[in-house]
Amino acid sequence: DFYYLSRGRGTTWNRYSRIMTTMFLLVLCVSLQIFLLIQIKHFVCAKAVHDIRFAYDAFQQAMYGGHTTDVFTVPFVERRGIGGPTGPYWNASRFDELTADEQASACRI
């Protein structure tokens, strides 16, 4: 259509209306994709991130025997072990003390 418009061939009204319809459909499709991505982020990813943070917090509490420090307090408390895995409070044998669900959640992270 742009080629024929530049050459002055055919009815210009039909060509402009087809171009505008195509541009409208393009903007509509892109807008719909952006909207769907935002909704997926809001409803799907937010719950998964919340569950992972909750499971990791429980894992840290158990593996360090309560010797943790608060990293974040908003929106809820996230704790990390003092000294890291080479520190004095890390005890790998405490993993067996976690429930089966907590172990599975920690392994899925």
Protein backbone atom coordinates (compact mmCIF):
# COMPACT_ATOMS: atom_id res chain seq x y z
CA ASP A 1 0.00 0.00 0.00
CA PHE A 2 2.82 2.44 0.75
CA TYR A 3 4.32 1.74 -2.65
CA TYR A 4 1.08 2.42 -4.46
CA LEU A 5 0.44 5.55 -2.39
CA SER A 6 3.86 6.91 -3.36
CA ARG A 7 3.08 6.24 -7.04
CA GLY A 8 -0.39 7.75 -6.76
CA ARG A 9 -2.12 4.62 -8.00
CA GLY A 10 -5.49 3.42 -6.79
CA THR A 11 -7.87 5.06 -4.36
CA THR A 12 -6.00 6.67 -1.51
CA TRP A 13 -8.88 6.32 0.95
CA ASN A 14 -8.84 2.50 0.73
CA ARG A 15 -5.09 2.33 1.08
CA TYR A 16 -4.99 4.66 4.10
CA SER A 17 -7.82 2.78 5.79
CA ARG A 18 -5.99 -0.56 5.35
CA ILE A 19 -2.78 0.93 6.74
CA MET A 20 -4.60 2.40 9.75
CA THR A 21 -6.46 -0.87 10.38
CA THR A 22 -3.17 -2.79 10.29
CA MET A 23 -1.51 -0.34 12.69
CA PHE A 24 -4.50 -0.50 15.04
CA LEU A 25 -4.40 -4.30 15.11
CA LEU A 26 -0.65 -4.24 15.72
CA VAL A 27 -1.01 -1.87 18.68
CA LEU A 28 -3.92 -3.92 20.02
CA CYS A 29 -1.94 -7.19 19.88
CA VAL A 30 1.13 -5.68 21.55
CA SER A 31 -1.02 -4.08 24.25
CA LEU A 32 -2.78 -7.38 24.92
CA GLN A 33 0.55 -9.18 25.25
CA ILE A 34 1.87 -6.58 27.71
CA PHE A 35 -1.34 -6.79 29.74
CA LEU A 36 -1.13 -10.60 29.91
CA LEU A 37 2.53 -10.50 30.98
CA ILE A 38 1.71 -8.09 33.79
CA GLN A 39 -1.17 -10.27 34.96
CA ILE A 40 1.01 -13.40 34.93
CA LYS A 41 3.65 -11.59 36.95
CA HIS A 42 1.05 -10.40 39.43
CA PHE A 43 -0.92 -13.61 39.95
CA VAL A 44 1.57 -16.42 39.25
CA CYS A 45 5.08 -15.23 40.01
CA ALA A 46 4.22 -13.31 43.18
CA LYS A 47 2.90 -16.43 44.92
CA ALA A 48 5.89 -18.51 43.84
CA VAL A 49 8.35 -15.89 45.14
CA HIS A 50 6.45 -15.67 48.43
CA ASP A 51 6.54 -19.46 48.88
CA ILE A 52 10.25 -19.61 48.08
CA ARG A 53 11.08 -16.85 50.58
CA PHE A 54 9.02 -18.54 53.28
CA ALA A 55 10.68 -21.93 52.65
CA TYR A 56 14.19 -20.44 52.60
CA ASP A 57 13.56 -18.58 55.84
CA ALA A 58 12.50 -21.82 57.55
CA PHE A 59 15.57 -23.56 56.09
CA GLN A 60 17.91 -20.85 57.42
CA GLN A 61 16.33 -20.95 60.87
CA ALA A 62 16.72 -24.72 61.06
CA MET A 63 20.23 -25.02 59.65
CA TYR A 64 21.68 -22.33 61.89
CA GLY A 65 19.79 -23.36 65.01
CA GLY A 66 18.13 -19.97 65.36
CA HIS A 67 21.41 -18.05 65.05
CA THR A 68 20.23 -15.77 62.29
CA THR A 69 20.07 -12.09 61.54
CA ASP A 70 17.17 -10.18 60.00
CA VAL A 71 17.93 -9.11 56.45
CA PHE A 72 14.53 -7.71 55.56
CA THR A 73 11.53 -7.03 57.75
CA VAL A 74 9.09 -5.82 55.10
CA PRO A 75 6.78 -7.38 53.88
CA PHE A 76 7.78 -10.14 56.31
CA VAL A 77 10.93 -11.16 58.13
CA GLU A 78 13.68 -12.78 56.06
CA ARG A 79 16.56 -14.21 58.05
CA ARG A 80 20.03 -15.38 57.05
CA GLY A 81 22.45 -17.46 59.07
CA ILE A 82 25.26 -15.74 60.93
CA GLY A 83 28.67 -16.57 59.48
CA GLY A 84 27.41 -18.37 56.38
CA PRO A 85 27.97 -22.08 55.71
CA THR A 86 31.56 -21.88 56.96
CA GLY A 87 30.53 -20.09 60.15
CA PRO A 88 30.31 -21.54 63.65
CA TYR A 89 26.53 -22.06 63.67
CA TRP A 90 26.04 -24.01 60.42
CA ASN A 91 25.10 -27.62 61.05
CA ALA A 92 24.27 -29.73 57.99
CA SER A 93 22.89 -32.57 60.13
CA ARG A 94 19.95 -30.34 61.11
CA PHE A 95 18.50 -30.87 57.65
CA ASP A 96 17.13 -34.21 58.85
CA GLU A 97 15.19 -32.39 61.58
CA LEU A 98 13.10 -30.55 58.98
CA THR A 99 9.73 -32.01 58.07
CA ALA A 100 9.39 -33.79 54.74
CA ASP A 101 7.53 -30.82 53.27
CA GLU A 102 10.18 -28.35 54.44
CA GLN A 103 12.93 -30.56 52.99
CA ALA A 104 11.13 -30.81 49.66
CA SER A 105 10.54 -27.04 49.58
CA ALA A 106 14.19 -26.32 50.36
CA CYS A 107 15.38 -28.72 47.66
CA ARG A 108 13.09 -27.16 45.04
CA ILE A 109 14.63 -23.72 45.55
